[in-house]
Amino acid sequence: MPYNVEIATLNGDGRPDFVSPIFLWAIIRLNGSAVGILDSNSFASAWSTPSGDIASVADFNHDGRPDVVFGPQAYLSASFSILQNVTTGGVVQLVGWPPVWGQSLVKLR
């Protein structure tokens, strides 16, 4: 069961995408729905990455793209991880800082 769900347009297309941490992983789904249609084909395949127990989405570096922060996993550490959104051309790219448990670049199509 997800701890929380964060909504933001990660790829800048104006459609709400979502990030949801579930235990040790975060599920990211990009919204590809057409105007007026919301069905089982509206979201791209789920993509997951190691994460903390909670997520928050905000433009932390004021570049106009929403970044994602995860943390903490209280029983593992009290640290936070930030995925900086460096998306260009509609392909979501999230760069870890510090790298999210060894993962430094995430690309979503």
PDB file of N, CA and C in Angstrom:
ATOM      1  N   MET A   1       0.835  -1.168   0.000  1.00  0.00           N
ATOM      2  CA  MET A   1       0.000   0.000   0.000  1.00  0.00           C
ATOM      3  C   MET A   1       0.889   1.243   0.000  1.00  0.00           C
ATOM      4  N   PRO A   2       0.618   2.209  -0.863  1.00  0.00           N
ATOM      5  CA  PRO A   2       1.435   3.419  -0.917  1.00  0.00           C
ATOM      6  C   PRO A   2       1.313   4.258   0.351  1.00  0.00           C
ATOM      7  N   TYR A   3       2.415   4.906   0.697  1.00  0.00           N
ATOM      8  CA  TYR A   3       2.405   5.828   1.831  1.00  0.00           C
ATOM      9  C   TYR A   3       1.824   7.167   1.423  1.00  0.00           C
ATOM     10  N   ASN A   4       2.126   7.617   0.219  1.00  0.00           N
ATOM     11  CA  ASN A   4       1.549   8.852  -0.295  1.00  0.00           C
ATOM     12  C   ASN A   4       1.666   8.844  -1.818  1.00  0.00           C
ATOM     13  N   VAL A   5       0.909   9.714  -2.460  1.00  0.00           N
ATOM     14  CA  VAL A   5       0.951   9.859  -3.917  1.00  0.00           C
ATOM     15  C   VAL A   5       1.188  11.330  -4.208  1.00  0.00           C
ATOM     16  N   GLU A   6       2.183  11.613  -5.028  1.00  0.00           N
ATOM     17  CA  GLU A   6       2.491  12.989  -5.429  1.00  0.00           C
ATOM     18  C   GLU A   6       2.147  13.150  -6.905  1.00  0.00           C
ATOM     19  N   ILE A   7       1.523  14.261  -7.239  1.00  0.00           N
ATOM     20  CA  ILE A   7       1.078  14.538  -8.605  1.00  0.00           C
ATOM     21  C   ILE A   7       1.844  15.744  -9.147  1.00  0.00           C
ATOM     22  N   ALA A   8       2.411  15.603 -10.355  1.00  0.00           N
ATOM     23  CA  ALA A   8       3.115  16.709 -11.022  1.00  0.00           C
ATOM     24  C   ALA A   8       3.291  16.336 -12.485  1.00  0.00           C
ATOM     25  N   THR A   9       3.466  17.310 -13.347  1.00  0.00           N
ATOM     26  CA  THR A   9       3.767  17.020 -14.742  1.00  0.00           C
ATOM     27  C   THR A   9       5.284  16.926 -14.881  1.00  0.00           C
ATOM     28  N   LEU A  10       5.812  15.721 -14.776  1.00  0.00           N
ATOM     29  CA  LEU A  10       7.257  15.495 -14.781  1.00  0.00           C
ATOM     30  C   LEU A  10       7.893  15.788 -16.132  1.00  0.00           C
ATOM     31  N   ASN A  11       7.161  15.541 -17.229  1.00  0.00           N
ATOM     32  CA  ASN A  11       7.742  15.739 -18.555  1.00  0.00           C
ATOM     33  C   ASN A  11       7.316  17.044 -19.218  1.00  0.00           C
ATOM     34  N   GLY A  12       6.618  17.900 -18.500  1.00  0.00           N
ATOM     35  CA  GLY A  12       6.274  19.220 -18.999  1.00  0.00           C
ATOM     36  C   GLY A  12       5.173  19.272 -20.039  1.00  0.00           C
ATOM     37  N   ASP A  13       4.411  18.180 -20.196  1.00  0.00           N
ATOM     38  CA  ASP A  13       3.355  18.171 -21.212  1.00  0.00           C
ATOM     39  C   ASP A  13       2.016  18.697 -20.689  1.00  0.00           C
ATOM     40  N   GLY A  14       1.973  19.096 -19.419  1.00  0.00           N
ATOM     41  CA  GLY A  14       0.751  19.644 -18.845  1.00  0.00           C
ATOM     42  C   GLY A  14      -0.195  18.611 -18.274  1.00  0.00           C
ATOM     43  N   ARG A  15       0.076  17.333 -18.498  1.00  0.00           N
ATOM     44  CA  ARG A  15      -0.774  16.271 -17.940  1.00  0.00           C
ATOM     45  C   ARG A  15      -0.188  15.780 -16.618  1.00  0.00           C
ATOM     46  N   PRO A  16      -1.026  15.544 -15.606  1.00  0.00           N
ATOM     47  CA  PRO A  16      -0.509  15.127 -14.302  1.00  0.00           C
ATOM     48  C   PRO A  16       0.028  13.695 -14.319  1.00  0.00           C
ATOM     49  N   ASP A  17       1.267  13.540 -13.910  1.00  0.00           N
ATOM     50  CA  ASP A  17       1.907  12.239 -13.722  1.00  0.00           C
ATOM     51  C   ASP A  17       1.927  11.969 -12.224  1.00  0.00           C
ATOM     52  N   PHE A  18       2.266  10.736 -11.810  1.00  0.00           N
ATOM     53  CA  PHE A  18       2.314  10.512 -10.370  1.00  0.00           C
ATOM     54  C   PHE A  18       3.511   9.697  -9.922  1.00  0.00           C
ATOM     55  N   VAL A  19       3.917   9.980  -8.681  1.00  0.00           N
ATOM     56  CA  VAL A  19       5.010   9.299  -7.994  1.00  0.00           C
ATOM     57  C   VAL A  19       4.436   8.784  -6.693  1.00  0.00           C
ATOM     58  N   SER A  20       4.660   7.502  -6.410  1.00  0.00           N
ATOM     59  CA  SER A  20       4.127   6.928  -5.179  1.00  0.00           C
ATOM     60  C   SER A  20       5.120   5.928  -4.590  1.00  0.00           C
ATOM     61  N   PRO A  21       5.669   6.202  -3.398  1.00  0.00           N
ATOM     62  CA  PRO A  21       6.553   5.230  -2.761  1.00  0.00           C
ATOM     63  C   PRO A  21       5.752   4.084  -2.151  1.00  0.00           C
ATOM     64  N   ILE A  22       6.234   2.880  -2.366  1.00  0.00           N
ATOM     65  CA  ILE A  22       5.612   1.692  -1.788  1.00  0.00           C
ATOM     66  C   ILE A  22       6.728   0.878  -1.151  1.00  0.00           C
ATOM     67  N   PHE A  23       6.817   0.950   0.161  1.00  0.00           N
ATOM     68  CA  PHE A  23       7.846   0.292   0.960  1.00  0.00           C
ATOM     69  C   PHE A  23       9.216   0.795   0.525  1.00  0.00           C
ATOM     70  N   LEU A  24      10.028   0.016  -0.176  1.00  0.00           N
ATOM     71  CA  LEU A  24      11.377   0.434  -0.556  1.00  0.00           C
ATOM     72  C   LEU A  24      11.476   0.929  -1.991  1.00  0.00           C
ATOM     73  N   TRP A  25      10.345   1.025  -2.705  1.00  0.00           N
ATOM     74  CA  TRP A  25      10.358   1.403  -4.111  1.00  0.00           C
ATOM     75  C   TRP A  25       9.379   2.526  -4.368  1.00  0.00           C
ATOM     76  N   ALA A  26       9.656   3.301  -5.396  1.00  0.00           N
ATOM     77  CA  ALA A  26       8.713   4.331  -5.840  1.00  0.00           C
ATOM     78  C   ALA A  26       8.219   3.949  -7.221  1.00  0.00           C
ATOM     79  N   ILE A  27       6.939   4.081  -7.429  1.00  0.00           N
ATOM     80  CA  ILE A  27       6.327   3.833  -8.728  1.00  0.00           C
ATOM     81  C   ILE A  27       6.103   5.191  -9.394  1.00  0.00           C
ATOM     82  N   ILE A  28       6.540   5.318 -10.632  1.00  0.00           N
ATOM     83  CA  ILE A  28       6.349   6.546 -11.400  1.00  0.00           C
ATOM     84  C   ILE A  28       5.566   6.181 -12.647  1.00  0.00           C
ATOM     85  N   ARG A  29       4.441   6.872 -12.860  1.00  0.00           N
ATOM     86  CA  ARG A  29       3.607   6.627 -14.047  1.00  0.00           C
ATOM     87  C   ARG A  29       3.396   7.942 -14.776  1.00  0.00           C
ATOM     88  N   LEU A  30       3.696   7.970 -16.068  1.00  0.00           N
ATOM     89  CA  LEU A  30       3.498   9.152 -16.892  1.00  0.00           C
ATOM     90  C   LEU A  30       2.132   9.094 -17.549  1.00  0.00           C
ATOM     91  N   ASN A  31       1.437  10.202 -17.529  1.00  0.00           N
ATOM     92  CA  ASN A  31       0.088  10.306 -18.067  1.00  0.00           C
ATOM     93  C   ASN A  31       0.155  10.632 -19.553  1.00  0.00           C
ATOM     94  N   GLY A  32      -0.393   9.765 -20.368  1.00  0.00           N
ATOM     95  CA  GLY A  32      -0.431   9.990 -21.814  1.00  0.00           C
ATOM     96  C   GLY A  32      -1.844  10.092 -22.335  1.00  0.00           C
ATOM     97  N   SER A  33      -2.776  10.467 -21.471  1.00  0.00           N
ATOM     98  CA  SER A  33      -4.189  10.480 -21.850  1.00  0.00           C
ATOM     99  C   SER A  33      -4.498  11.555 -22.884  1.00  0.00           C
ATOM    100  N   ALA A  34      -5.490  11.280 -23.710  1.00  0.00           N
ATOM    101  CA  ALA A  34      -5.999  12.260 -24.665  1.00  0.00           C
ATOM    102  C   ALA A  34      -7.056  13.108 -23.958  1.00  0.00           C
ATOM    103  N   VAL A  35      -7.314  14.283 -24.479  1.00  0.00           N
ATOM    104  CA  VAL A  35      -8.302  15.183 -23.885  1.00  0.00           C
ATOM    105  C   VAL A  35      -9.654  14.478 -23.774  1.00  0.00           C
ATOM    106  N   GLY A  36     -10.224  14.482 -22.571  1.00  0.00           N
ATOM    107  CA  GLY A  36     -11.538  13.904 -22.341  1.00  0.00           C
ATOM    108  C   GLY A  36     -11.565  12.403 -22.147  1.00  0.00           C
ATOM    109  N   ILE A  37     -10.409  11.732 -22.224  1.00  0.00           N
ATOM    110  CA  ILE A  37     -10.369  10.278 -22.083  1.00  0.00           C
ATOM    111  C   ILE A  37      -9.457   9.904 -20.920  1.00  0.00           C
ATOM    112  N   LEU A  38      -9.969   9.100 -20.002  1.00  0.00           N
ATOM    113  CA  LEU A  38      -9.179   8.565 -18.904  1.00  0.00           C
ATOM    114  C   LEU A  38      -9.581   7.110 -18.741  1.00  0.00           C
ATOM    115  N   ASP A  39      -8.694   6.212 -19.165  1.00  0.00           N
ATOM    116  CA  ASP A  39      -8.982   4.780 -19.081  1.00  0.00           C
ATOM    117  C   ASP A  39      -7.697   4.018 -18.768  1.00  0.00           C
ATOM    118  N   SER A  40      -7.731   2.696 -18.897  1.00  0.00           N
ATOM    119  CA  SER A  40      -6.582   1.865 -18.540  1.00  0.00           C
ATOM    120  C   SER A  40      -5.372   2.114 -19.438  1.00  0.00           C
ATOM    121  N   ASN A  41      -5.558   2.761 -20.572  1.00  0.00           N
ATOM    122  CA  ASN A  41      -4.442   3.066 -21.470  1.00  0.00           C
ATOM    123  C   ASN A  41      -3.890   4.472 -21.265  1.00  0.00           C
ATOM    124  N   SER A  42      -4.401   5.201 -20.291  1.00  0.00           N
ATOM    125  CA  SER A  42      -4.023   6.595 -20.098  1.00  0.00           C
ATOM    126  C   SER A  42      -2.612   6.784 -19.546  1.00  0.00           C
ATOM    127  N   PHE A  43      -2.102   5.808 -18.828  1.00  0.00           N
ATOM    128  CA  PHE A  43      -0.785   5.942 -18.207  1.00  0.00           C
ATOM    129  C   PHE A  43       0.201   4.957 -18.813  1.00  0.00           C
ATOM    130  N   ALA A  44       1.441   5.430 -19.006  1.00  0.00           N
ATOM    131  CA  ALA A  44       2.512   4.567 -19.512  1.00  0.00           C
ATOM    132  C   ALA A  44       2.800   3.482 -18.485  1.00  0.00           C
ATOM    133  N   SER A  45       3.511   2.464 -18.898  1.00  0.00           N
ATOM    134  CA  SER A  45       3.883   1.388 -17.982  1.00  0.00           C
ATOM    135  C   SER A  45       4.568   1.946 -16.751  1.00  0.00           C
ATOM    136  N   ALA A  46       4.327   1.312 -15.637  1.00  0.00           N
ATOM    137  CA  ALA A  46       4.933   1.762 -14.379  1.00  0.00           C
ATOM    138  C   ALA A  46       6.434   1.572 -14.435  1.00  0.00           C
ATOM    139  N   TRP A  47       7.130   2.528 -13.873  1.00  0.00           N
ATOM    140  CA  TRP A  47       8.578   2.448 -13.726  1.00  0.00           C
ATOM    141  C   TRP A  47       8.876   2.574 -12.249  1.00  0.00           C
ATOM    142  N   SER A  48       9.854   1.864 -11.749  1.00  0.00           N
ATOM    143  CA  SER A  48      10.134   1.930 -10.317  1.00  0.00           C
ATOM    144  C   SER A  48      11.613   2.187 -10.062  1.00  0.00           C
ATOM    145  N   THR A  49      11.884   2.756  -8.911  1.00  0.00           N
ATOM    146  CA  THR A  49      13.247   3.055  -8.476  1.00  0.00           C
ATOM    147  C   THR A  49      13.321   2.870  -6.968  1.00  0.00           C
ATOM    148  N   PRO A  50      14.490   2.503  -6.437  1.00  0.00           N
ATOM    149  CA  PRO A  50      14.609   2.463  -4.982  1.00  0.00           C
ATOM    150  C   PRO A  50      14.284   3.822  -4.396  1.00  0.00           C
ATOM    151  N   SER A  51      13.606   3.833  -3.247  1.00  0.00           N
ATOM    152  CA  SER A  51      13.202   5.105  -2.655  1.00  0.00           C
ATOM    153  C   SER A  51      13.094   4.978  -1.153  1.00  0.00           C
ATOM    154  N   GLY A  52      12.692   6.058  -0.535  1.00  0.00           N
ATOM    155  CA  GLY A  52      12.370   6.058   0.881  1.00  0.00           C
ATOM    156  C   GLY A  52      10.898   5.780   1.073  1.00  0.00           C
ATOM    157  N   ASP A  53      10.433   6.004   2.281  1.00  0.00           N
ATOM    158  CA  ASP A  53       9.042   5.717   2.621  1.00  0.00           C
ATOM    159  C   ASP A  53       8.081   6.824   2.204  1.00  0.00           C
ATOM    160  N   ILE A  54       8.587   8.022   1.971  1.00  0.00           N
ATOM    161  CA  ILE A  54       7.732   9.136   1.579  1.00  0.00           C
ATOM    162  C   ILE A  54       8.339   9.844   0.373  1.00  0.00           C
ATOM    163  N   ALA A  55       7.499  10.533  -0.379  1.00  0.00           N
ATOM    164  CA  ALA A  55       7.967  11.294  -1.539  1.00  0.00           C
ATOM    165  C   ALA A  55       7.322  12.669  -1.526  1.00  0.00           C
ATOM    166  N   SER A  56       8.035  13.612  -2.101  1.00  0.00           N
ATOM    167  CA  SER A  56       7.487  14.940  -2.301  1.00  0.00           C
ATOM    168  C   SER A  56       8.008  15.454  -3.635  1.00  0.00           C
ATOM    169  N   VAL A  57       7.176  16.211  -4.341  1.00  0.00           N
ATOM    170  CA  VAL A  57       7.551  16.750  -5.646  1.00  0.00           C
ATOM    171  C   VAL A  57       7.450  18.267  -5.578  1.00  0.00           C
ATOM    172  N   ALA A  58       8.543  18.939  -5.957  1.00  0.00           N
ATOM    173  CA  ALA A  58       8.578  20.404  -5.977  1.00  0.00           C
ATOM    174  C   ALA A  58       9.751  20.840  -6.841  1.00  0.00           C
ATOM    175  N   ASP A  59       9.735  22.076  -7.274  1.00  0.00           N
ATOM    176  CA  ASP A  59      10.834  22.622  -8.066  1.00  0.00           C
ATOM    177  C   ASP A  59      11.885  23.176  -7.106  1.00  0.00           C
ATOM    178  N   PHE A  60      12.755  22.299  -6.615  1.00  0.00           N
ATOM    179  CA  PHE A  60      13.717  22.665  -5.580  1.00  0.00           C
ATOM    180  C   PHE A  60      14.781  23.637  -6.070  1.00  0.00           C
ATOM    181  N   ASN A  61      15.153  23.576  -7.348  1.00  0.00           N
ATOM    182  CA  ASN A  61      16.227  24.442  -7.848  1.00  0.00           C
ATOM    183  C   ASN A  61      15.707  25.572  -8.745  1.00  0.00           C
ATOM    184  N   HIS A  62      14.411  25.775  -8.791  1.00  0.00           N
ATOM    185  CA  HIS A  62      13.784  26.896  -9.505  1.00  0.00           C
ATOM    186  C   HIS A  62      14.117  26.934 -10.997  1.00  0.00           C
ATOM    187  N   ASP A  63      14.177  25.753 -11.627  1.00  0.00           N
ATOM    188  CA  ASP A  63      14.441  25.725 -13.077  1.00  0.00           C
ATOM    189  C   ASP A  63      13.171  25.479 -13.890  1.00  0.00           C
ATOM    190  N   GLY A  64      12.009  25.428 -13.221  1.00  0.00           N
ATOM    191  CA  GLY A  64      10.744  25.233 -13.910  1.00  0.00           C
ATOM    192  C   GLY A  64      10.333  23.785 -14.082  1.00  0.00           C
ATOM    193  N   ARG A  65      11.165  22.834 -13.623  1.00  0.00           N
ATOM    194  CA  ARG A  65      10.837  21.408 -13.719  1.00  0.00           C
ATOM    195  C   ARG A  65      10.703  20.828 -12.312  1.00  0.00           C
ATOM    196  N   PRO A  66       9.662  20.028 -12.055  1.00  0.00           N
ATOM    197  CA  PRO A  66       9.482  19.463 -10.712  1.00  0.00           C
ATOM    198  C   PRO A  66      10.520  18.377 -10.427  1.00  0.00           C
ATOM    199  N   ASP A  67      11.178  18.494  -9.285  1.00  0.00           N
ATOM    200  CA  ASP A  67      12.137  17.502  -8.813  1.00  0.00           C
ATOM    201  C   ASP A  67      11.425  16.606  -7.802  1.00  0.00           C
ATOM    202  N   VAL A  68      12.028  15.454  -7.486  1.00  0.00           N
ATOM    203  CA  VAL A  68      11.419  14.494  -6.568  1.00  0.00           C
ATOM    204  C   VAL A  68      12.377  14.244  -5.412  1.00  0.00           C
ATOM    205  N   VAL A  69      11.865  14.286  -4.191  1.00  0.00           N
ATOM    206  CA  VAL A  69      12.679  13.956  -3.023  1.00  0.00           C
ATOM    207  C   VAL A  69      12.056  12.750  -2.330  1.00  0.00           C
ATOM    208  N   PHE A  70      12.915  11.813  -1.899  1.00  0.00           N
ATOM    209  CA  PHE A  70      12.488  10.624  -1.169  1.00  0.00           C
ATOM    210  C   PHE A  70      13.157  10.602   0.197  1.00  0.00           C
ATOM    211  N   GLY A  71      12.446  10.082   1.175  1.00  0.00           N
ATOM    212  CA  GLY A  71      13.095   9.838   2.446  1.00  0.00           C
ATOM    213  C   GLY A  71      12.128   9.949   3.596  1.00  0.00           C
ATOM    214  N   PRO A  72      12.571   9.697   4.772  1.00  0.00           N
ATOM    215  CA  PRO A  72      13.673   8.774   5.040  1.00  0.00           C
ATOM    216  C   PRO A  72      13.162   7.352   5.212  1.00  0.00           C
ATOM    217  N   GLN A  73      14.044   6.411   5.108  1.00  0.00           N
ATOM    218  CA  GLN A  73      13.721   5.038   5.487  1.00  0.00           C
ATOM    219  C   GLN A  73      14.260   4.901   6.906  1.00  0.00           C
ATOM    220  N   ALA A  74      13.420   5.147   7.859  1.00  0.00           N
ATOM    221  CA  ALA A  74      13.845   5.292   9.248  1.00  0.00           C
ATOM    222  C   ALA A  74      14.667   4.115   9.750  1.00  0.00           C
ATOM    223  N   TYR A  75      14.349   2.917   9.330  1.00  0.00           N
ATOM    224  CA  TYR A  75      15.067   1.755   9.833  1.00  0.00           C
ATOM    225  C   TYR A  75      16.374   1.524   9.073  1.00  0.00           C
ATOM    226  N   LEU A  76      16.613   2.246   7.968  1.00  0.00           N
ATOM    227  CA  LEU A  76      17.872   2.129   7.237  1.00  0.00           C
ATOM    228  C   LEU A  76      18.761   3.349   7.450  1.00  0.00           C
ATOM    229  N   SER A  77      18.165   4.535   7.426  1.00  0.00           N
ATOM    230  CA  SER A  77      18.925   5.766   7.618  1.00  0.00           C
ATOM    231  C   SER A  77      17.951   6.911   7.814  1.00  0.00           C
ATOM    232  N   ALA A  78      18.492   8.061   8.125  1.00  0.00           N
ATOM    233  CA  ALA A  78      17.671   9.259   8.279  1.00  0.00           C
ATOM    234  C   ALA A  78      17.968  10.241   7.154  1.00  0.00           C
ATOM    235  N   SER A  79      18.495   9.745   6.046  1.00  0.00           N
ATOM    236  CA  SER A  79      18.887  10.633   4.956  1.00  0.00           C
ATOM    237  C   SER A  79      17.780  10.758   3.914  1.00  0.00           C
ATOM    238  N   PHE A  80      17.897  11.786   3.105  1.00  0.00           N
ATOM    239  CA  PHE A  80      16.975  12.044   2.007  1.00  0.00           C
ATOM    240  C   PHE A  80      17.737  11.913   0.700  1.00  0.00           C
ATOM    241  N   SER A  81      17.038  11.567  -0.352  1.00  0.00           N
ATOM    242  CA  SER A  81      17.628  11.542  -1.689  1.00  0.00           C
ATOM    243  C   SER A  81      16.789  12.405  -2.599  1.00  0.00           C
ATOM    244  N   ILE A  82      17.448  13.163  -3.459  1.00  0.00           N
ATOM    245  CA  ILE A  82      16.758  14.045  -4.387  1.00  0.00           C
ATOM    246  C   ILE A  82      17.028  13.579  -5.806  1.00  0.00           C
ATOM    247  N   LEU A  83      15.964  13.482  -6.603  1.00  0.00           N
ATOM    248  CA  LEU A  83      16.103  13.235  -8.035  1.00  0.00           C
ATOM    249  C   LEU A  83      15.826  14.552  -8.737  1.00  0.00           C
ATOM    250  N   GLN A  84      16.867  15.148  -9.311  1.00  0.00           N
ATOM    251  CA  GLN A  84      16.717  16.408 -10.030  1.00  0.00           C
ATOM    252  C   GLN A  84      16.168  16.124 -11.416  1.00  0.00           C
ATOM    253  N   ASN A  85      15.125  16.831 -11.788  1.00  0.00           N
ATOM    254  CA  ASN A  85      14.484  16.661 -13.087  1.00  0.00           C
ATOM    255  C   ASN A  85      15.251  17.495 -14.115  1.00  0.00           C
ATOM    256  N   VAL A  86      15.915  16.806 -15.054  1.00  0.00           N
ATOM    257  CA  VAL A  86      16.667  17.483 -16.118  1.00  0.00           C
ATOM    258  C   VAL A  86      16.056  17.135 -17.474  1.00  0.00           C
ATOM    259  N   THR A  87      14.744  16.960 -17.491  1.00  0.00           N
ATOM    260  CA  THR A  87      14.001  16.562 -18.680  1.00  0.00           C
ATOM    261  C   THR A  87      14.197  17.532 -19.836  1.00  0.00           C
ATOM    262  N   THR A  88      14.433  16.974 -21.018  1.00  0.00           N
ATOM    263  CA  THR A  88      14.454  17.757 -22.254  1.00  0.00           C
ATOM    264  C   THR A  88      13.741  16.941 -23.323  1.00  0.00           C
ATOM    265  N   GLY A  89      13.042  17.596 -24.201  1.00  0.00           N
ATOM    266  CA  GLY A  89      12.397  16.917 -25.314  1.00  0.00           C
ATOM    267  C   GLY A  89      11.333  15.911 -24.934  1.00  0.00           C
ATOM    268  N   GLY A  90      10.719  16.045 -23.756  1.00  0.00           N
ATOM    269  CA  GLY A  90       9.629  15.166 -23.365  1.00  0.00           C
ATOM    270  C   GLY A  90      10.050  13.841 -22.760  1.00  0.00           C
ATOM    271  N   VAL A  91      11.350  13.512 -22.769  1.00  0.00           N
ATOM    272  CA  VAL A  91      11.834  12.283 -22.143  1.00  0.00           C
ATOM    273  C   VAL A  91      12.251  12.629 -20.722  1.00  0.00           C
ATOM    274  N   VAL A  92      11.567  12.051 -19.745  1.00  0.00           N
ATOM    275  CA  VAL A  92      11.857  12.372 -18.352  1.00  0.00           C
ATOM    276  C   VAL A  92      13.218  11.818 -17.967  1.00  0.00           C
ATOM    277  N   GLN A  93      14.068  12.693 -17.460  1.00  0.00           N
ATOM    278  CA  GLN A  93      15.369  12.293 -16.941  1.00  0.00           C
ATOM    279  C   GLN A  93      15.483  12.826 -15.522  1.00  0.00           C
ATOM    280  N   LEU A  94      15.707  11.923 -14.581  1.00  0.00           N
ATOM    281  CA  LEU A  94      15.841  12.278 -13.176  1.00  0.00           C
ATOM    282  C   LEU A  94      17.237  11.874 -12.729  1.00  0.00           C
ATOM    283  N   VAL A  95      18.034  12.836 -12.275  1.00  0.00           N
ATOM    284  CA  VAL A  95      19.412  12.581 -11.863  1.00  0.00           C
ATOM    285  C   VAL A  95      19.471  12.587 -10.349  1.00  0.00           C
ATOM    286  N   GLY A  96      20.018  11.520  -9.767  1.00  0.00           N
ATOM    287  CA  GLY A  96      20.064  11.386  -8.323  1.00  0.00           C
ATOM    288  C   GLY A  96      21.126  12.239  -7.669  1.00  0.00           C
ATOM    289  N   TRP A  97      20.761  12.861  -6.522  1.00  0.00           N
ATOM    290  CA  TRP A  97      21.713  13.593  -5.710  1.00  0.00           C
ATOM    291  C   TRP A  97      21.360  13.447  -4.244  1.00  0.00           C
ATOM    292  N   PRO A  98      22.140  12.798  -3.414  1.00  0.00           N
ATOM    293  CA  PRO A  98      23.190  11.902  -3.889  1.00  0.00           C
ATOM    294  C   PRO A  98      22.550  10.758  -4.651  1.00  0.00           C
ATOM    295  N   PRO A  99      23.332  10.003  -5.417  1.00  0.00           N
ATOM    296  CA  PRO A  99      22.719   8.919  -6.192  1.00  0.00           C
ATOM    297  C   PRO A  99      21.824   8.057  -5.313  1.00  0.00           C
ATOM    298  N   VAL A 100      20.663   7.733  -5.840  1.00  0.00           N
ATOM    299  CA  VAL A 100      19.669   6.969  -5.090  1.00  0.00           C
ATOM    300  C   VAL A 100      20.108   5.510  -5.053  1.00  0.00           C
ATOM    301  N   TRP A 101      20.710   5.105  -3.953  1.00  0.00           N
ATOM    302  CA  TRP A 101      21.165   3.742  -3.748  1.00  0.00           C
ATOM    303  C   TRP A 101      21.863   3.193  -4.994  1.00  0.00           C
ATOM    304  N   GLY A 102      22.848   3.935  -5.497  1.00  0.00           N
ATOM    305  CA  GLY A 102      23.659   3.491  -6.617  1.00  0.00           C
ATOM    306  C   GLY A 102      23.118   3.851  -7.982  1.00  0.00           C
ATOM    307  N   GLN A 103      21.955   4.446  -8.063  1.00  0.00           N
ATOM    308  CA  GLN A 103      21.358   4.793  -9.354  1.00  0.00           C
ATOM    309  C   GLN A 103      21.542   6.284  -9.590  1.00  0.00           C
ATOM    310  N   SER A 104      22.229   6.636 -10.679  1.00  0.00           N
ATOM    311  CA  SER A 104      22.538   8.051 -10.871  1.00  0.00           C
ATOM    312  C   SER A 104      21.722   8.705 -11.976  1.00  0.00           C
ATOM    313  N   LEU A 105      21.139   7.937 -12.888  1.00  0.00           N
ATOM    314  CA  LEU A 105      20.356   8.543 -13.947  1.00  0.00           C
ATOM    315  C   LEU A 105      19.175   7.652 -14.273  1.00  0.00           C
ATOM    316  N   VAL A 106      18.017   8.266 -14.347  1.00  0.00           N
ATOM    317  CA  VAL A 106      16.785   7.548 -14.656  1.00  0.00           C
ATOM    318  C   VAL A 106      16.179   8.195 -15.880  1.00  0.00           C
ATOM    319  N   LYS A 107      15.814   7.404 -16.884  1.00  0.00           N
ATOM    320  CA  LYS A 107      15.145   7.959 -18.062  1.00  0.00           C
ATOM    321  C   LYS A 107      13.805   7.270 -18.233  1.00  0.00           C
ATOM    322  N   LEU A 108      12.780   8.061 -18.466  1.00  0.00           N
ATOM    323  CA  LEU A 108      11.431   7.540 -18.690  1.00  0.00           C
ATOM    324  C   LEU A 108      10.955   8.022 -20.038  1.00  0.00           C
ATOM    325  N   ARG A 109      10.337   7.173 -20.813  1.00  0.00           N
ATOM    326  CA  ARG A 109       9.794   7.557 -22.115  1.00  0.00           C
ATOM    327  C   ARG A 109       8.291   7.426 -22.073  1.00  0.00           C
TER     328      ARG A 109
END
